Amino acid sequence: MARTTYYRWQARERDERLADQVVVPRRRAAPATPQERQAVCCFALTHPQTGYKRLTWQMVDEDVAYLRPYQVYDILSDQELLCRQAVLRQSL
């Protein structure tokens, strides 16, 4: 064990801070507007074979909406548009 680690732990023990600190990441993106939500749904319906991550970046490239992939996933999930590929395969 490195000497610095040992002394750092000694200091943490004196301060009663030996337990590891849990860091919970927070998402800091602004929520999607109703217009962006509508644009995501329309874009997803016109590109049914595209996954949500690629769809996100295509929308950015085409100046449709500027959202993060998890936001697009949440919108598509709420509108039940995530399973569209499986539904399309069954209908073929």
C-alpha atoms as a PDB file:
ATOM      1  CA  MET A   1       0.000   0.000   0.000  1.00  0.00           C
ATOM      2  CA  ALA A   2       1.294   3.413  -0.854  1.00  0.00           C
ATOM      3  CA  ARG A   3       2.393   5.601   2.045  1.00  0.00           C
ATOM      4  CA  THR A   4       0.140   8.466   0.903  1.00  0.00           C
ATOM      5  CA  THR A   5      -2.894   6.168   0.906  1.00  0.00           C
ATOM      6  CA  TYR A   6      -2.141   5.035   4.432  1.00  0.00           C
ATOM      7  CA  TYR A   7      -1.875   8.590   5.765  1.00  0.00           C
ATOM      8  CA  ARG A   8      -4.933   9.684   3.840  1.00  0.00           C
ATOM      9  CA  TRP A   9      -6.911   6.864   5.468  1.00  0.00           C
ATOM     10  CA  GLN A  10      -5.515   7.811   8.872  1.00  0.00           C
ATOM     11  CA  ALA A  11      -6.791  11.373   8.361  1.00  0.00           C
ATOM     12  CA  ARG A  12     -10.174  10.095   7.235  1.00  0.00           C
ATOM     13  CA  GLU A  13     -10.388   7.892  10.339  1.00  0.00           C
ATOM     14  CA  ARG A  14      -9.646  10.877  12.600  1.00  0.00           C
ATOM     15  CA  ASP A  15     -12.438  12.823  10.864  1.00  0.00           C
ATOM     16  CA  GLU A  16     -14.749   9.747  10.999  1.00  0.00           C
ATOM     17  CA  ARG A  17     -15.052   9.692   7.218  1.00  0.00           C
ATOM     18  CA  LEU A  18     -13.875   6.155   6.454  1.00  0.00           C
ATOM     19  CA  ALA A  19     -17.061   5.207   4.626  1.00  0.00           C
ATOM     20  CA  ASP A  20     -16.877   5.744   0.893  1.00  0.00           C
ATOM     21  CA  GLN A  21     -18.807   8.667  -0.454  1.00  0.00           C
ATOM     22  CA  VAL A  22     -21.486   7.775  -2.969  1.00  0.00           C
ATOM     23  CA  VAL A  23     -21.625  10.199  -5.855  1.00  0.00           C
ATOM     24  CA  VAL A  24     -24.906  10.211  -7.712  1.00  0.00           C
ATOM     25  CA  PRO A  25     -24.565  11.815 -11.140  1.00  0.00           C
ATOM     26  CA  ARG A  26     -27.212  14.331 -12.051  1.00  0.00           C
ATOM     27  CA  ARG A  27     -28.435  14.987 -15.529  1.00  0.00           C
ATOM     28  CA  ARG A  28     -28.284  18.686 -16.197  1.00  0.00           C
ATOM     29  CA  ALA A  29     -29.952  18.952 -19.580  1.00  0.00           C
ATOM     30  CA  ALA A  30     -33.014  21.120 -19.945  1.00  0.00           C
ATOM     31  CA  PRO A  31     -36.218  19.137 -20.385  1.00  0.00           C
ATOM     32  CA  ALA A  32     -37.545  18.748 -23.901  1.00  0.00           C
ATOM     33  CA  THR A  33     -40.164  21.250 -25.012  1.00  0.00           C
ATOM     34  CA  PRO A  34     -43.518  20.052 -26.383  1.00  0.00           C
ATOM     35  CA  GLN A  35     -42.366  21.060 -29.879  1.00  0.00           C
ATOM     36  CA  GLU A  36     -39.215  18.964 -29.505  1.00  0.00           C
ATOM     37  CA  ARG A  37     -41.232  16.019 -28.229  1.00  0.00           C
ATOM     38  CA  GLN A  38     -43.501  16.252 -31.267  1.00  0.00           C
ATOM     39  CA  ALA A  39     -40.514  16.558 -33.601  1.00  0.00           C
ATOM     40  CA  VAL A  40     -38.905  13.452 -32.095  1.00  0.00           C
ATOM     41  CA  CYS A  41     -42.087  11.426 -32.582  1.00  0.00           C
ATOM     42  CA  CYS A  42     -42.530  12.572 -36.182  1.00  0.00           C
ATOM     43  CA  PHE A  43     -38.875  11.940 -36.989  1.00  0.00           C
ATOM     44  CA  ALA A  44     -39.015   8.475 -35.423  1.00  0.00           C
ATOM     45  CA  LEU A  45     -42.086   7.573 -37.456  1.00  0.00           C
ATOM     46  CA  THR A  46     -40.432   8.684 -40.701  1.00  0.00           C
ATOM     47  CA  HIS A  47     -37.259   6.698 -39.851  1.00  0.00           C
ATOM     48  CA  PRO A  48     -38.684   3.445 -38.422  1.00  0.00           C
ATOM     49  CA  GLN A  49     -35.527   1.340 -38.833  1.00  0.00           C
ATOM     50  CA  THR A  50     -33.256   3.760 -36.954  1.00  0.00           C
ATOM     51  CA  GLY A  51     -32.351   3.242 -33.302  1.00  0.00           C
ATOM     52  CA  TYR A  52     -32.745   6.019 -30.767  1.00  0.00           C
ATOM     53  CA  LYS A  53     -29.035   6.915 -30.540  1.00  0.00           C
ATOM     54  CA  ARG A  54     -28.563   7.265 -34.260  1.00  0.00           C
ATOM     55  CA  LEU A  55     -31.922   9.036 -34.461  1.00  0.00           C
ATOM     56  CA  THR A  56     -30.683  11.564 -31.906  1.00  0.00           C
ATOM     57  CA  TRP A  57     -27.644  12.513 -33.935  1.00  0.00           C
ATOM     58  CA  GLN A  58     -29.550  12.536 -37.221  1.00  0.00           C
ATOM     59  CA  MET A  59     -31.955  15.055 -35.702  1.00  0.00           C
ATOM     60  CA  VAL A  60     -29.003  17.210 -34.634  1.00  0.00           C
ATOM     61  CA  ASP A  61     -27.444  16.970 -38.114  1.00  0.00           C
ATOM     62  CA  GLU A  62     -30.741  17.881 -39.801  1.00  0.00           C
ATOM     63  CA  ASP A  63     -31.447  20.716 -37.340  1.00  0.00           C
ATOM     64  CA  VAL A  64     -34.656  19.103 -36.038  1.00  0.00           C
ATOM     65  CA  ALA A  65     -34.011  18.892 -32.298  1.00  0.00           C
ATOM     66  CA  TYR A  66     -31.011  19.166 -29.997  1.00  0.00           C
ATOM     67  CA  LEU A  67     -31.557  16.553 -27.287  1.00  0.00           C
ATOM     68  CA  ARG A  68     -29.421  13.980 -25.543  1.00  0.00           C
ATOM     69  CA  PRO A  69     -29.840  10.278 -26.343  1.00  0.00           C
ATOM     70  CA  TYR A  70     -31.446   9.488 -22.978  1.00  0.00           C
ATOM     71  CA  GLN A  71     -34.033  12.222 -23.585  1.00  0.00           C
ATOM     72  CA  VAL A  72     -34.928  10.773 -26.991  1.00  0.00           C
ATOM     73  CA  TYR A  73     -35.133   7.314 -25.433  1.00  0.00           C
ATOM     74  CA  ASP A  74     -37.496   8.590 -22.730  1.00  0.00           C
ATOM     75  CA  ILE A  75     -39.726  10.340 -25.276  1.00  0.00           C
ATOM     76  CA  LEU A  76     -39.906   7.291 -27.541  1.00  0.00           C
ATOM     77  CA  SER A  77     -40.558   5.056 -24.562  1.00  0.00           C
ATOM     78  CA  ASP A  78     -43.405   7.289 -23.328  1.00  0.00           C
ATOM     79  CA  GLN A  79     -44.990   7.265 -26.785  1.00  0.00           C
ATOM     80  CA  GLU A  80     -44.411   3.496 -27.174  1.00  0.00           C
ATOM     81  CA  LEU A  81     -42.283   3.968 -30.271  1.00  0.00           C
ATOM     82  CA  LEU A  82     -39.263   1.946 -29.140  1.00  0.00           C
ATOM     83  CA  CYS A  83     -40.609  -1.448 -30.201  1.00  0.00           C
ATOM     84  CA  ARG A  84     -41.435  -0.281 -33.709  1.00  0.00           C
ATOM     85  CA  GLN A  85     -38.724  -2.452 -35.318  1.00  0.00           C
ATOM     86  CA  ALA A  86     -40.115  -5.666 -33.863  1.00  0.00           C
ATOM     87  CA  VAL A  87     -43.629  -4.664 -34.928  1.00  0.00           C
ATOM     88  CA  LEU A  88     -42.422  -3.897 -38.460  1.00  0.00           C
ATOM     89  CA  ARG A  89     -40.651  -7.252 -38.730  1.00  0.00           C
ATOM     90  CA  GLN A  90     -43.804  -9.094 -37.648  1.00  0.00           C
ATOM     91  CA  SER A  91     -45.928  -7.265 -40.205  1.00  0.00           C
ATOM     92  CA  LEU A  92     -43.535  -8.207 -43.071  1.00  0.00           C
END
